[in-house]
Every structure is written in structure tokens, then in C-alpha cells.
Amino acid sequence: MAPTPATDAELDVMIRARLASLGIDLDQLPPGTASDPATGAPGRDSVLASLRSFVRGSVTAIAAYQLPAPAGSDPASAAALSQQPAPMLYPSISTEWRK
């Protein structure tokens, strides 16, 4: 069964929550779709519409991307290989804080 696409209201909640976790408050933008003539800031509704379009169009494609299998490895294990952590230049920095 395919998942049902999110509604505009559900996407707005997700986008606002995600931006709030980064410290971005969309309520600072002027309401509506018209940009602010003094600052040139886009309207809140136009920003949300643009972000909804981005989430619907590209996030699914990005999430479905799988790295190609390295040469000489089984292509069936490519999904598992892509979940491994990337090698670090100084692994001691990363392992010391976990103690």
C-alpha cells in the first residue's frame, strides 16, 4: 500500500517545526504572498509554498538515492554498505567523547 501524500497543512507544520529547530521563525516574514517593499523579504505564504514544492519534489528522490556498490563487492549489499559511517581523518576525536 502506497503512503498517502501529506496535505499542505501537514507539510506546513513539518516545515515550521524543522525551521524552528534551526532557529528560523517564519512569522518574522510579512504575511501573504507579496514581498516587503522596504526590505525585499518574500511573503510568508510564498515561502511556505516554495518549501512545500521542494519537499514534495526532491526530498523523496534524495531519500531514495543509494550509493553505487564499490568495485568487487556484491551489488545486493550496496544498501547495507551505504549505511556505514564514513572514514574519519582523526577517529580518536570521535571515539574519545563516547567514553
PDB file of N, CA and C in Angstrom:
ATOM      1  N   MET A   1       0.835  -1.177   0.000  1.00  0.00           N
ATOM      2  CA  MET A   1       0.000   0.000   0.000  1.00  0.00           C
ATOM      3  C   MET A   1       0.883   1.244   0.000  1.00  0.00           C
ATOM      4  N   ALA A   2       0.638   2.110  -0.923  1.00  0.00           N
ATOM      5  CA  ALA A   2       1.428   3.334  -1.035  1.00  0.00           C
ATOM      6  C   ALA A   2       1.026   4.334   0.041  1.00  0.00           C
ATOM      7  N   PRO A   3       1.991   5.081   0.567  1.00  0.00           N
ATOM      8  CA  PRO A   3       1.639   6.094   1.565  1.00  0.00           C
ATOM      9  C   PRO A   3       0.839   7.225   0.930  1.00  0.00           C
ATOM     10  N   THR A   4      -0.044   7.800   1.711  1.00  0.00           N
ATOM     11  CA  THR A   4      -0.833   8.924   1.206  1.00  0.00           C
ATOM     12  C   THR A   4       0.016  10.196   1.275  1.00  0.00           C
ATOM     13  N   PRO A   5      -0.044  11.021   0.257  1.00  0.00           N
ATOM     14  CA  PRO A   5       0.740  12.257   0.294  1.00  0.00           C
ATOM     15  C   PRO A   5       0.240  13.197   1.394  1.00  0.00           C
ATOM     16  N   ALA A   6       1.169  13.932   1.950  1.00  0.00           N
ATOM     17  CA  ALA A   6       0.822  14.874   3.021  1.00  0.00           C
ATOM     18  C   ALA A   6       0.039  16.049   2.456  1.00  0.00           C
ATOM     19  N   THR A   7      -0.853  16.575   3.278  1.00  0.00           N
ATOM     20  CA  THR A   7      -1.615  17.751   2.883  1.00  0.00           C
ATOM     21  C   THR A   7      -0.746  19.001   3.059  1.00  0.00           C
ATOM     22  N   ASP A   8      -1.209  20.113   2.516  1.00  0.00           N
ATOM     23  CA  ASP A   8      -0.478  21.374   2.675  1.00  0.00           C
ATOM     24  C   ASP A   8      -0.333  21.743   4.150  1.00  0.00           C
ATOM     25  N   ALA A   9      -1.384  21.542   4.925  1.00  0.00           N
ATOM     26  CA  ALA A   9      -1.338  21.887   6.351  1.00  0.00           C
ATOM     27  C   ALA A   9      -0.326  21.016   7.089  1.00  0.00           C
ATOM     28  N   GLU A  10      -0.282  19.732   6.763  1.00  0.00           N
ATOM     29  CA  GLU A  10       0.686  18.839   7.411  1.00  0.00           C
ATOM     30  C   GLU A  10       2.114  19.212   7.037  1.00  0.00           C
ATOM     31  N   LEU A  11       2.323  19.554   5.782  1.00  0.00           N
ATOM     32  CA  LEU A  11       3.658  19.980   5.363  1.00  0.00           C
ATOM     33  C   LEU A  11       4.053  21.297   6.017  1.00  0.00           C
ATOM     34  N   ASP A  12       3.096  22.211   6.161  1.00  0.00           N
ATOM     35  CA  ASP A  12       3.392  23.482   6.829  1.00  0.00           C
ATOM     36  C   ASP A  12       3.858  23.251   8.258  1.00  0.00           C
ATOM     37  N   VAL A  13       3.186  22.343   8.965  1.00  0.00           N
ATOM     38  CA  VAL A  13       3.572  22.036  10.348  1.00  0.00           C
ATOM     39  C   VAL A  13       4.977  21.447  10.378  1.00  0.00           C
ATOM     40  N   MET A  14       5.261  20.509   9.471  1.00  0.00           N
ATOM     41  CA  MET A  14       6.582  19.890   9.429  1.00  0.00           C
ATOM     42  C   MET A  14       7.661  20.914   9.081  1.00  0.00           C
ATOM     43  N   ILE A  15       7.396  21.755   8.101  1.00  0.00           N
ATOM     44  CA  ILE A  15       8.378  22.757   7.685  1.00  0.00           C
ATOM     45  C   ILE A  15       8.630  23.757   8.802  1.00  0.00           C
ATOM     46  N   ARG A  16       7.573  24.242   9.437  1.00  0.00           N
ATOM     47  CA  ARG A  16       7.735  25.201  10.535  1.00  0.00           C
ATOM     48  C   ARG A  16       8.503  24.587  11.698  1.00  0.00           C
ATOM     49  N   ALA A  17       8.209  23.323  12.023  1.00  0.00           N
ATOM     50  CA  ALA A  17       8.913  22.654  13.125  1.00  0.00           C
ATOM     51  C   ALA A  17      10.386  22.467  12.787  1.00  0.00           C
ATOM     52  N   ARG A  18      10.663  22.063  11.559  1.00  0.00           N
ATOM     53  CA  ARG A  18      12.050  21.857  11.144  1.00  0.00           C
ATOM     54  C   ARG A  18      12.827  23.166  11.162  1.00  0.00           C
ATOM     55  N   LEU A  19      12.222  24.226  10.658  1.00  0.00           N
ATOM     56  CA  LEU A  19      12.887  25.524  10.670  1.00  0.00           C
ATOM     57  C   LEU A  19      13.031  26.065  12.091  1.00  0.00           C
ATOM     58  N   ALA A  20      12.029  25.833  12.940  1.00  0.00           N
ATOM     59  CA  ALA A  20      12.107  26.290  14.336  1.00  0.00           C
ATOM     60  C   ALA A  20      13.246  25.588  15.066  1.00  0.00           C
ATOM     61  N   SER A  21      13.494  24.317  14.733  1.00  0.00           N
ATOM     62  CA  SER A  21      14.595  23.612  15.388  1.00  0.00           C
ATOM     63  C   SER A  21      15.947  24.200  14.986  1.00  0.00           C
ATOM     64  N   LEU A  22      15.975  24.914  13.864  1.00  0.00           N
ATOM     65  CA  LEU A  22      17.197  25.583  13.420  1.00  0.00           C
ATOM     66  C   LEU A  22      17.237  27.049  13.842  1.00  0.00           C
ATOM     67  N   GLY A  23      16.173  27.506  14.519  1.00  0.00           N
ATOM     68  CA  GLY A  23      16.121  28.881  14.991  1.00  0.00           C
ATOM     69  C   GLY A  23      15.550  29.863  13.985  1.00  0.00           C
ATOM     70  N   ILE A  24      14.840  29.360  12.983  1.00  0.00           N
ATOM     71  CA  ILE A  24      14.252  30.227  11.962  1.00  0.00           C
ATOM     72  C   ILE A  24      12.760  30.354  12.216  1.00  0.00           C
ATOM     73  N   ASP A  25      12.283  31.575  12.362  1.00  0.00           N
ATOM     74  CA  ASP A  25      10.876  31.838  12.632  1.00  0.00           C
ATOM     75  C   ASP A  25      10.249  32.488  11.405  1.00  0.00           C
ATOM     76  N   LEU A  26       9.370  31.758  10.743  1.00  0.00           N
ATOM     77  CA  LEU A  26       8.720  32.300   9.539  1.00  0.00           C
ATOM     78  C   LEU A  26       7.761  33.443   9.853  1.00  0.00           C
ATOM     79  N   ASP A  27       7.369  33.577  11.108  1.00  0.00           N
ATOM     80  CA  ASP A  27       6.462  34.669  11.469  1.00  0.00           C
ATOM     81  C   ASP A  27       7.146  36.028  11.381  1.00  0.00           C
ATOM     82  N   GLN A  28       8.461  36.049  11.208  1.00  0.00           N
ATOM     83  CA  GLN A  28       9.179  37.307  11.038  1.00  0.00           C
ATOM     84  C   GLN A  28       8.993  37.865   9.621  1.00  0.00           C
ATOM     85  N   LEU A  29       8.541  37.014   8.700  1.00  0.00           N
ATOM     86  CA  LEU A  29       8.306  37.455   7.332  1.00  0.00           C
ATOM     87  C   LEU A  29       6.955  38.161   7.232  1.00  0.00           C
ATOM     88  N   PRO A  30       6.798  39.032   6.243  1.00  0.00           N
ATOM     89  CA  PRO A  30       5.500  39.698   6.084  1.00  0.00           C
ATOM     90  C   PRO A  30       4.425  38.680   5.687  1.00  0.00           C
ATOM     91  N   PRO A  31       3.210  38.831   6.186  1.00  0.00           N
ATOM     92  CA  PRO A  31       2.150  37.878   5.839  1.00  0.00           C
ATOM     93  C   PRO A  31       1.755  38.005   4.369  1.00  0.00           C
ATOM     94  N   GLY A  32       1.200  36.931   3.836  1.00  0.00           N
ATOM     95  CA  GLY A  32       0.722  36.941   2.455  1.00  0.00           C
ATOM     96  C   GLY A  32       1.797  36.519   1.473  1.00  0.00           C
ATOM     97  N   THR A  33       1.522  36.796   0.210  1.00  0.00           N
ATOM     98  CA  THR A  33       2.451  36.400  -0.846  1.00  0.00           C
ATOM     99  C   THR A  33       3.284  37.560  -1.368  1.00  0.00           C
ATOM    100  N   ALA A  34       2.891  38.774  -1.049  1.00  0.00           N
ATOM    101  CA  ALA A  34       3.627  39.948  -1.539  1.00  0.00           C
ATOM    102  C   ALA A  34       4.887  40.165  -0.706  1.00  0.00           C
ATOM    103  N   SER A  35       5.975  40.526  -1.394  1.00  0.00           N
ATOM    104  CA  SER A  35       7.216  40.793  -0.673  1.00  0.00           C
ATOM    105  C   SER A  35       7.147  42.170  -0.013  1.00  0.00           C
ATOM    106  N   ASP A  36       7.979  42.333   0.993  1.00  0.00           N
ATOM    107  CA  ASP A  36       8.037  43.599   1.723  1.00  0.00           C
ATOM    108  C   ASP A  36       8.758  44.627   0.847  1.00  0.00           C
ATOM    109  N   PRO A  37       8.124  45.755   0.544  1.00  0.00           N
ATOM    110  CA  PRO A  37       8.765  46.735  -0.338  1.00  0.00           C
ATOM    111  C   PRO A  37      10.014  47.365   0.276  1.00  0.00           C
ATOM    112  N   ALA A  38      10.082  47.457   1.593  1.00  0.00           N
ATOM    113  CA  ALA A  38      11.229  48.108   2.228  1.00  0.00           C
ATOM    114  C   ALA A  38      12.447  47.193   2.273  1.00  0.00           C
ATOM    115  N   THR A  39      12.242  45.920   2.568  1.00  0.00           N
ATOM    116  CA  THR A  39      13.379  45.013   2.746  1.00  0.00           C
ATOM    117  C   THR A  39      13.545  44.023   1.600  1.00  0.00           C
ATOM    118  N   GLY A  40      12.471  43.785   0.843  1.00  0.00           N
ATOM    119  CA  GLY A  40      12.533  42.800  -0.225  1.00  0.00           C
ATOM    120  C   GLY A  40      12.329  41.379   0.257  1.00  0.00           C
ATOM    121  N   ALA A  41      12.017  41.225   1.557  1.00  0.00           N
ATOM    122  CA  ALA A  41      11.781  39.887   2.105  1.00  0.00           C
ATOM    123  C   ALA A  41      10.531  39.293   1.475  1.00  0.00           C
ATOM    124  N   PRO A  42      10.582  38.021   1.099  1.00  0.00           N
ATOM    125  CA  PRO A  42       9.404  37.404   0.483  1.00  0.00           C
ATOM    126  C   PRO A  42       8.280  37.228   1.491  1.00  0.00           C
ATOM    127  N   GLY A  43       7.061  37.108   1.006  1.00  0.00           N
ATOM    128  CA  GLY A  43       5.917  36.881   1.874  1.00  0.00           C
ATOM    129  C   GLY A  43       5.929  35.479   2.463  1.00  0.00           C
ATOM    130  N   ARG A  44       5.369  35.349   3.637  1.00  0.00           N
ATOM    131  CA  ARG A  44       5.347  34.073   4.363  1.00  0.00           C
ATOM    132  C   ARG A  44       4.672  32.974   3.543  1.00  0.00           C
ATOM    133  N   ASP A  45       3.537  33.286   2.920  1.00  0.00           N
ATOM    134  CA  ASP A  45       2.816  32.267   2.157  1.00  0.00           C
ATOM    135  C   ASP A  45       3.600  31.803   0.936  1.00  0.00           C
ATOM    136  N   SER A  46       4.314  32.722   0.287  1.00  0.00           N
ATOM    137  CA  SER A  46       5.107  32.322  -0.873  1.00  0.00           C
ATOM    138  C   SER A  46       6.300  31.471  -0.460  1.00  0.00           C
ATOM    139  N   VAL A  47       6.882  31.759   0.704  1.00  0.00           N
ATOM    140  CA  VAL A  47       7.993  30.936   1.208  1.00  0.00           C
ATOM    141  C   VAL A  47       7.497  29.535   1.536  1.00  0.00           C
ATOM    142  N   LEU A  48       6.359  29.440   2.224  1.00  0.00           N
ATOM    143  CA  LEU A  48       5.811  28.121   2.548  1.00  0.00           C
ATOM    144  C   LEU A  48       5.448  27.340   1.285  1.00  0.00           C
ATOM    145  N   ALA A  49       4.895  28.013   0.283  1.00  0.00           N
ATOM    146  CA  ALA A  49       4.552  27.334  -0.966  1.00  0.00           C
ATOM    147  C   ALA A  49       5.808  26.816  -1.660  1.00  0.00           C
ATOM    148  N   SER A  50       6.859  27.598  -1.649  1.00  0.00           N
ATOM    149  CA  SER A  50       8.115  27.173  -2.260  1.00  0.00           C
ATOM    150  C   SER A  50       8.715  25.986  -1.506  1.00  0.00           C
ATOM    151  N   LEU A  51       8.696  26.045  -0.184  1.00  0.00           N
ATOM    152  CA  LEU A  51       9.245  24.936   0.609  1.00  0.00           C
ATOM    153  C   LEU A  51       8.400  23.670   0.470  1.00  0.00           C
ATOM    154  N   ARG A  52       7.075  23.814   0.370  1.00  0.00           N
ATOM    155  CA  ARG A  52       6.222  22.639   0.132  1.00  0.00           C
ATOM    156  C   ARG A  52       6.561  21.996  -1.201  1.00  0.00           C
ATOM    157  N   SER A  53       6.764  22.820  -2.212  1.00  0.00           N
ATOM    158  CA  SER A  53       7.127  22.313  -3.530  1.00  0.00           C
ATOM    159  C   SER A  53       8.471  21.579  -3.473  1.00  0.00           C
ATOM    160  N   PHE A  54       9.424  22.126  -2.737  1.00  0.00           N
ATOM    161  CA  PHE A  54      10.728  21.479  -2.591  1.00  0.00           C
ATOM    162  C   PHE A  54      10.596  20.131  -1.892  1.00  0.00           C
ATOM    163  N   VAL A  55       9.847  20.095  -0.804  1.00  0.00           N
ATOM    164  CA  VAL A  55       9.694  18.846  -0.046  1.00  0.00           C
ATOM    165  C   VAL A  55       9.007  17.790  -0.903  1.00  0.00           C
ATOM    166  N   ARG A  56       7.963  18.180  -1.603  1.00  0.00           N
ATOM    167  CA  ARG A  56       7.244  17.209  -2.445  1.00  0.00           C
ATOM    168  C   ARG A  56       8.091  16.728  -3.618  1.00  0.00           C
ATOM    169  N   GLY A  57       8.917  17.587  -4.160  1.00  0.00           N
ATOM    170  CA  GLY A  57       9.631  17.256  -5.379  1.00  0.00           C
ATOM    171  C   GLY A  57      10.967  16.589  -5.204  1.00  0.00           C
ATOM    172  N   SER A  58      11.747  16.988  -4.212  1.00  0.00           N
ATOM    173  CA  SER A  58      13.115  16.494  -4.175  1.00  0.00           C
ATOM    174  C   SER A  58      13.466  15.635  -2.973  1.00  0.00           C
ATOM    175  N   VAL A  59      12.772  15.773  -1.865  1.00  0.00           N
ATOM    176  CA  VAL A  59      13.139  15.000  -0.681  1.00  0.00           C
ATOM    177  C   VAL A  59      12.952  13.506  -0.923  1.00  0.00           C
ATOM    178  N   THR A  60      11.902  13.114  -1.627  1.00  0.00           N
ATOM    179  CA  THR A  60      11.676  11.702  -1.924  1.00  0.00           C
ATOM    180  C   THR A  60      12.795  11.150  -2.796  1.00  0.00           C
ATOM    181  N   ALA A  61      13.199  11.912  -3.780  1.00  0.00           N
ATOM    182  CA  ALA A  61      14.280  11.463  -4.659  1.00  0.00           C
ATOM    183  C   ALA A  61      15.605  11.367  -3.909  1.00  0.00           C
ATOM    184  N   ILE A  62      15.873  12.316  -3.037  1.00  0.00           N
ATOM    185  CA  ILE A  62      17.111  12.285  -2.255  1.00  0.00           C
ATOM    186  C   ILE A  62      17.098  11.102  -1.297  1.00  0.00           C
ATOM    187  N   ALA A  63      15.968  10.851  -0.650  1.00  0.00           N
ATOM    188  CA  ALA A  63      15.881   9.742   0.302  1.00  0.00           C
ATOM    189  C   ALA A  63      16.016   8.389  -0.379  1.00  0.00           C
ATOM    190  N   ALA A  64      15.619   8.289  -1.628  1.00  0.00           N
ATOM    191  CA  ALA A  64      15.683   7.007  -2.335  1.00  0.00           C
ATOM    192  C   ALA A  64      17.058   6.741  -2.935  1.00  0.00           C
ATOM    193  N   TYR A  65      17.962   7.713  -2.917  1.00  0.00           N
ATOM    194  CA  TYR A  65      19.270   7.540  -3.537  1.00  0.00           C
ATOM    195  C   TYR A  65      20.086   6.489  -2.786  1.00  0.00           C
ATOM    196  N   GLN A  66      20.712   5.607  -3.519  1.00  0.00           N
ATOM    197  CA  GLN A  66      21.615   4.605  -2.959  1.00  0.00           C
ATOM    198  C   GLN A  66      22.979   4.779  -3.611  1.00  0.00           C
ATOM    199  N   LEU A  67      24.020   4.752  -2.807  1.00  0.00           N
ATOM    200  CA  LEU A  67      25.360   4.819  -3.358  1.00  0.00           C
ATOM    201  C   LEU A  67      25.631   3.577  -4.199  1.00  0.00           C
ATOM    202  N   PRO A  68      26.377   3.704  -5.265  1.00  0.00           N
ATOM    203  CA  PRO A  68      26.703   2.516  -6.044  1.00  0.00           C
ATOM    204  C   PRO A  68      27.607   1.582  -5.251  1.00  0.00           C
ATOM    205  N   ALA A  69      27.501   0.287  -5.534  1.00  0.00           N
ATOM    206  CA  ALA A  69      28.332  -0.698  -4.839  1.00  0.00           C
ATOM    207  C   ALA A  69      29.789  -0.500  -5.232  1.00  0.00           C
ATOM    208  N   PRO A  70      30.716  -0.577  -4.265  1.00  0.00           N
ATOM    209  CA  PRO A  70      32.135  -0.455  -4.613  1.00  0.00           C
ATOM    210  C   PRO A  70      32.568  -1.580  -5.552  1.00  0.00           C
ATOM    211  N   ALA A  71      33.598  -1.328  -6.321  1.00  0.00           N
ATOM    212  CA  ALA A  71      34.095  -2.327  -7.260  1.00  0.00           C
ATOM    213  C   ALA A  71      34.494  -3.598  -6.512  1.00  0.00           C
ATOM    214  N   GLY A  72      34.070  -4.712  -7.031  1.00  0.00           N
ATOM    215  CA  GLY A  72      34.424  -6.000  -6.441  1.00  0.00           C
ATOM    216  C   GLY A  72      33.501  -6.465  -5.337  1.00  0.00           C
ATOM    217  N   SER A  73      32.476  -5.688  -5.003  1.00  0.00           N
ATOM    218  CA  SER A  73      31.542  -6.094  -3.948  1.00  0.00           C
ATOM    219  C   SER A  73      30.223  -6.523  -4.573  1.00  0.00           C
ATOM    220  N   ASP A  74      29.437  -7.223  -3.790  1.00  0.00           N
ATOM    221  CA  ASP A  74      28.140  -7.708  -4.252  1.00  0.00           C
ATOM    222  C   ASP A  74      27.163  -6.535  -4.344  1.00  0.00           C
ATOM    223  N   PRO A  75      26.531  -6.289  -5.497  1.00  0.00           N
ATOM    224  CA  PRO A  75      25.576  -5.178  -5.606  1.00  0.00           C
ATOM    225  C   PRO A  75      24.398  -5.314  -4.653  1.00  0.00           C
ATOM    226  N   ALA A  76      24.070  -6.532  -4.219  1.00  0.00           N
ATOM    227  CA  ALA A  76      22.960  -6.716  -3.288  1.00  0.00           C
ATOM    228  C   ALA A  76      23.278  -6.128  -1.913  1.00  0.00           C
ATOM    229  N   SER A  77      24.557  -5.982  -1.590  1.00  0.00           N
ATOM    230  CA  SER A  77      24.927  -5.439  -0.278  1.00  0.00           C
ATOM    231  C   SER A  77      25.169  -3.933  -0.330  1.00  0.00           C
ATOM    232  N   ALA A  78      24.876  -3.277  -1.443  1.00  0.00           N
ATOM    233  CA  ALA A  78      25.134  -1.836  -1.577  1.00  0.00           C
ATOM    234  C   ALA A  78      24.333  -1.025  -0.570  1.00  0.00           C
ATOM    235  N   ALA A  79      23.086  -1.425  -0.289  1.00  0.00           N
ATOM    236  CA  ALA A  79      22.272  -0.670   0.676  1.00  0.00           C
ATOM    237  C   ALA A  79      22.886  -0.740   2.069  1.00  0.00           C
ATOM    238  N   ALA A  80      23.364  -1.904   2.456  1.00  0.00           N
ATOM    239  CA  ALA A  80      23.992  -2.034   3.780  1.00  0.00           C
ATOM    240  C   ALA A  80      25.306  -1.266   3.833  1.00  0.00           C
ATOM    241  N   LEU A  81      26.069  -1.293   2.758  1.00  0.00           N
ATOM    242  CA  LEU A  81      27.346  -0.577   2.731  1.00  0.00           C
ATOM    243  C   LEU A  81      27.141   0.932   2.823  1.00  0.00           C
ATOM    244  N   SER A  82      26.058   1.446   2.274  1.00  0.00           N
ATOM    245  CA  SER A  82      25.840   2.887   2.294  1.00  0.00           C
ATOM    246  C   SER A  82      25.466   3.397   3.679  1.00  0.00           C
ATOM    247  N   GLN A  83      25.132   2.498   4.605  1.00  0.00           N
ATOM    248  CA  GLN A  83      24.766   2.912   5.955  1.00  0.00           C
ATOM    249  C   GLN A  83      25.959   2.950   6.903  1.00  0.00           C
ATOM    250  N   GLN A  84      27.125   2.533   6.446  1.00  0.00           N
ATOM    251  CA  GLN A  84      28.313   2.537   7.289  1.00  0.00           C
ATOM    252  C   GLN A  84      28.818   3.957   7.468  1.00  0.00           C
ATOM    253  N   PRO A  85      29.436   4.262   8.627  1.00  0.00           N
ATOM    254  CA  PRO A  85      29.963   5.612   8.814  1.00  0.00           C
ATOM    255  C   PRO A  85      31.136   5.872   7.876  1.00  0.00           C
ATOM    256  N   ALA A  86      31.270   7.110   7.486  1.00  0.00           N
ATOM    257  CA  ALA A  86      32.377   7.493   6.618  1.00  0.00           C
ATOM    258  C   ALA A  86      33.679   7.452   7.402  1.00  0.00           C
ATOM    259  N   PRO A  87      34.778   7.097   6.765  1.00  0.00           N
ATOM    260  CA  PRO A  87      36.059   7.090   7.478  1.00  0.00           C
ATOM    261  C   PRO A  87      36.431   8.498   7.913  1.00  0.00           C
ATOM    262  N   MET A  88      37.051   8.589   9.073  1.00  0.00           N
ATOM    263  CA  MET A  88      37.433   9.892   9.621  1.00  0.00           C
ATOM    264  C   MET A  88      38.949  10.051   9.586  1.00  0.00           C
ATOM    265  N   LEU A  89      39.386  11.269   9.421  1.00  0.00           N
ATOM    266  CA  LEU A  89      40.808  11.547   9.405  1.00  0.00           C
ATOM    267  C   LEU A  89      41.425  11.288  10.780  1.00  0.00           C
ATOM    268  N   TYR A  90      40.751  11.720  11.839  1.00  0.00           N
ATOM    269  CA  TYR A  90      41.212  11.517  13.199  1.00  0.00           C
ATOM    270  C   TYR A  90      40.120  10.814  14.001  1.00  0.00           C
ATOM    271  N   PRO A  91      40.017   9.471  13.925  1.00  0.00           N
ATOM    272  CA  PRO A  91      38.924   8.783  14.614  1.00  0.00           C
ATOM    273  C   PRO A  91      38.989   8.900  16.127  1.00  0.00           C
ATOM    274  N   SER A  92      40.159   9.179  16.702  1.00  0.00           N
ATOM    275  CA  SER A  92      40.247   9.270  18.158  1.00  0.00           C
ATOM    276  C   SER A  92      39.400  10.418  18.692  1.00  0.00           C
ATOM    277  N   ILE A  93      39.241  11.489  17.905  1.00  0.00           N
ATOM    278  CA  ILE A  93      38.432  12.624  18.339  1.00  0.00           C
ATOM    279  C   ILE A  93      36.982  12.178  18.487  1.00  0.00           C
ATOM    280  N   SER A  94      36.529  11.337  17.585  1.00  0.00           N
ATOM    281  CA  SER A  94      35.151  10.895  17.607  1.00  0.00           C
ATOM    282  C   SER A  94      34.901   9.814  18.659  1.00  0.00           C
ATOM    283  N   THR A  95      35.893   9.001  18.928  1.00  0.00           N
ATOM    284  CA  THR A  95      35.678   7.898  19.885  1.00  0.00           C
ATOM    285  C   THR A  95      35.891   8.326  21.325  1.00  0.00           C
ATOM    286  N   GLU A  96      36.707   9.344  21.565  1.00  0.00           N
ATOM    287  CA  GLU A  96      37.014   9.742  22.942  1.00  0.00           C
ATOM    288  C   GLU A  96      35.782  10.275  23.676  1.00  0.00           C
ATOM    289  N   TRP A  97      34.959  11.036  23.004  1.00  0.00           N
ATOM    290  CA  TRP A  97      33.793  11.634  23.683  1.00  0.00           C
ATOM    291  C   TRP A  97      32.718  10.615  23.992  1.00  0.00           C
ATOM    292  N   ARG A  98      32.779   9.427  23.394  1.00  0.00           N
ATOM    293  CA  ARG A  98      31.771   8.405  23.667  1.00  0.00           C
ATOM    294  C   ARG A  98      32.043   7.615  24.923  1.00  0.00           C
ATOM    295  N   LYS A  99      33.200   7.779  25.530  1.00  0.00           N
ATOM    296  CA  LYS A  99      33.562   7.005  26.746  1.00  0.00           C
ATOM    297  C   LYS A  99      32.764   7.460  27.940  1.00  0.00           C
TER     298      LYS A  99
END
